[in-house]
Amino acid sequence: MDADETDAQGTLLNLRDAAAALGLRPATVKQYILRGQLAALRVPHGTVTRLFVAHTEIARYRRASLGGQGWDDRRARVAKGPPAAEPGVH
């Protein structure tokens, strides 16, 4: 992804915000970027390189990784917890 693509793809999120949007740790998102699983814009900043991810890339990754279920559906299932045990079954 380069600077020309960002106009078409919308606003960019820094690594921490991208991780929050995906429900992951920033270190995990960085590994996905380094492995090529998640596209990012690399911006030199002094001696380090800052990483930014487009909103559309977040949406694409959600669809690909969740099989079209959507983050809200996944979050709702996790919030419900495991299914209750049947009576009499240990």
C-alpha atoms as a PDB file:
ATOM      1  CA  MET A   1       0.000   0.000   0.000  1.00  0.00           C
ATOM      2  CA  ASP A   2       1.395   3.425  -0.848  1.00  0.00           C
ATOM      3  CA  ALA A   3       0.332   7.007  -0.157  1.00  0.00           C
ATOM      4  CA  ASP A   4      -1.722   7.201  -3.382  1.00  0.00           C
ATOM      5  CA  GLU A   5      -3.814   4.240  -2.279  1.00  0.00           C
ATOM      6  CA  THR A   6      -4.752   5.790   1.056  1.00  0.00           C
ATOM      7  CA  ASP A   7      -7.110   8.299  -0.581  1.00  0.00           C
ATOM      8  CA  ALA A   8      -9.144   5.470  -2.074  1.00  0.00           C
ATOM      9  CA  GLN A   9      -8.977   3.338   1.057  1.00  0.00           C
ATOM     10  CA  GLY A  10      -9.998   5.925   3.643  1.00  0.00           C
ATOM     11  CA  THR A  11      -8.440   6.957   6.886  1.00  0.00           C
ATOM     12  CA  LEU A  12      -5.495   5.204   8.433  1.00  0.00           C
ATOM     13  CA  LEU A  13      -5.183   3.733  11.915  1.00  0.00           C
ATOM     14  CA  ASN A  14      -1.959   3.521  13.870  1.00  0.00           C
ATOM     15  CA  LEU A  15      -0.876   0.108  15.125  1.00  0.00           C
ATOM     16  CA  ARG A  16      -2.572   0.463  18.516  1.00  0.00           C
ATOM     17  CA  ASP A  17      -5.900   1.604  17.039  1.00  0.00           C
ATOM     18  CA  ALA A  18      -5.802  -1.117  14.373  1.00  0.00           C
ATOM     19  CA  ALA A  19      -5.224  -3.708  17.094  1.00  0.00           C
ATOM     20  CA  ALA A  20      -8.174  -2.376  19.090  1.00  0.00           C
ATOM     21  CA  ALA A  21     -10.396  -2.472  15.999  1.00  0.00           C
ATOM     22  CA  LEU A  22      -9.470  -6.119  15.437  1.00  0.00           C
ATOM     23  CA  GLY A  23      -9.627  -7.124  19.099  1.00  0.00           C
ATOM     24  CA  LEU A  24      -5.947  -8.111  19.061  1.00  0.00           C
ATOM     25  CA  ARG A  25      -2.742  -7.009  20.750  1.00  0.00           C
ATOM     26  CA  PRO A  26      -0.543  -4.519  18.854  1.00  0.00           C
ATOM     27  CA  ALA A  27       2.295  -7.078  18.775  1.00  0.00           C
ATOM     28  CA  THR A  28      -0.009  -9.583  17.056  1.00  0.00           C
ATOM     29  CA  VAL A  29      -1.082  -7.037  14.442  1.00  0.00           C
ATOM     30  CA  LYS A  30       2.570  -6.184  13.805  1.00  0.00           C
ATOM     31  CA  GLN A  31       3.357  -9.861  13.227  1.00  0.00           C
ATOM     32  CA  TYR A  32       0.432 -10.131  10.771  1.00  0.00           C
ATOM     33  CA  ILE A  33       1.833  -7.121   8.900  1.00  0.00           C
ATOM     34  CA  LEU A  34       5.363  -8.562   8.821  1.00  0.00           C
ATOM     35  CA  ARG A  35       3.998 -11.902   7.525  1.00  0.00           C
ATOM     36  CA  GLY A  36       1.977 -10.139   4.815  1.00  0.00           C
ATOM     37  CA  GLN A  37      -1.391 -11.172   6.246  1.00  0.00           C
ATOM     38  CA  LEU A  38      -2.381  -7.534   6.797  1.00  0.00           C
ATOM     39  CA  ALA A  39      -1.397  -4.675   4.464  1.00  0.00           C
ATOM     40  CA  ALA A  40       0.093  -1.578   6.057  1.00  0.00           C
ATOM     41  CA  LEU A  41       1.663   1.724   5.124  1.00  0.00           C
ATOM     42  CA  ARG A  42       5.205   2.073   6.458  1.00  0.00           C
ATOM     43  CA  VAL A  43       6.224   5.638   7.303  1.00  0.00           C
ATOM     44  CA  PRO A  44       9.817   6.420   8.329  1.00  0.00           C
ATOM     45  CA  HIS A  45       9.900   8.464  11.532  1.00  0.00           C
ATOM     46  CA  GLY A  46      13.434   9.203  12.660  1.00  0.00           C
ATOM     47  CA  THR A  47      15.190   5.914  13.349  1.00  0.00           C
ATOM     48  CA  VAL A  48      11.967   3.863  13.434  1.00  0.00           C
ATOM     49  CA  THR A  49       9.253   3.045  10.948  1.00  0.00           C
ATOM     50  CA  ARG A  50       5.653   3.665  11.972  1.00  0.00           C
ATOM     51  CA  LEU A  51       2.935   1.362  10.677  1.00  0.00           C
ATOM     52  CA  PHE A  52      -0.560   2.455   9.624  1.00  0.00           C
ATOM     53  CA  VAL A  53      -3.484   0.287   8.493  1.00  0.00           C
ATOM     54  CA  ALA A  54      -6.426   1.494   6.376  1.00  0.00           C
ATOM     55  CA  HIS A  55     -10.007   0.998   7.617  1.00  0.00           C
ATOM     56  CA  THR A  56     -10.772  -0.952   4.451  1.00  0.00           C
ATOM     57  CA  GLU A  57      -7.886  -3.330   5.196  1.00  0.00           C
ATOM     58  CA  ILE A  58      -9.305  -3.890   8.688  1.00  0.00           C
ATOM     59  CA  ALA A  59     -12.682  -4.747   7.129  1.00  0.00           C
ATOM     60  CA  ARG A  60     -11.049  -7.053   4.554  1.00  0.00           C
ATOM     61  CA  TYR A  61      -9.093  -8.880   7.236  1.00  0.00           C
ATOM     62  CA  ARG A  62     -12.198  -9.314   9.406  1.00  0.00           C
ATOM     63  CA  ARG A  63     -14.090 -10.863   6.489  1.00  0.00           C
ATOM     64  CA  ALA A  64     -11.182 -13.153   5.620  1.00  0.00           C
ATOM     65  CA  SER A  65     -10.322 -14.239   9.156  1.00  0.00           C
ATOM     66  CA  LEU A  66     -13.847 -14.567  10.524  1.00  0.00           C
ATOM     67  CA  GLY A  67     -15.324 -16.240   7.457  1.00  0.00           C
ATOM     68  CA  GLY A  68     -17.914 -13.518   6.948  1.00  0.00           C
ATOM     69  CA  GLN A  69     -19.307 -13.829  10.482  1.00  0.00           C
ATOM     70  CA  GLY A  70     -18.440 -10.268  11.410  1.00  0.00           C
ATOM     71  CA  TRP A  71     -16.761  -8.966  14.532  1.00  0.00           C
ATOM     72  CA  ASP A  72     -20.018  -8.050  16.311  1.00  0.00           C
ATOM     73  CA  ASP A  73     -21.394 -11.588  15.912  1.00  0.00           C
ATOM     74  CA  ARG A  74     -18.161 -13.077  17.238  1.00  0.00           C
ATOM     75  CA  ARG A  75     -18.112 -10.672  20.182  1.00  0.00           C
ATOM     76  CA  ALA A  76     -21.738 -11.545  21.051  1.00  0.00           C
ATOM     77  CA  ARG A  77     -20.983 -15.294  21.056  1.00  0.00           C
ATOM     78  CA  VAL A  78     -17.942 -14.812  23.299  1.00  0.00           C
ATOM     79  CA  ALA A  79     -19.937 -12.626  25.719  1.00  0.00           C
ATOM     80  CA  LYS A  80     -22.560 -15.358  26.143  1.00  0.00           C
ATOM     81  CA  GLY A  81     -19.929 -17.787  27.390  1.00  0.00           C
ATOM     82  CA  PRO A  82     -19.850 -21.548  26.974  1.00  0.00           C
ATOM     83  CA  PRO A  83     -23.111 -23.470  26.646  1.00  0.00           C
ATOM     84  CA  ALA A  84     -24.646 -24.668  29.905  1.00  0.00           C
ATOM     85  CA  ALA A  85     -24.130 -28.310  30.830  1.00  0.00           C
ATOM     86  CA  GLU A  86     -27.116 -30.611  30.536  1.00  0.00           C
ATOM     87  CA  PRO A  87     -28.694 -31.680  33.853  1.00  0.00           C
ATOM     88  CA  GLY A  88     -27.343 -34.979  35.104  1.00  0.00           C
ATOM     89  CA  VAL A  89     -24.228 -34.848  32.900  1.00  0.00           C
ATOM     90  CA  HIS A  90     -20.892 -34.395  34.641  1.00  0.00           C
END
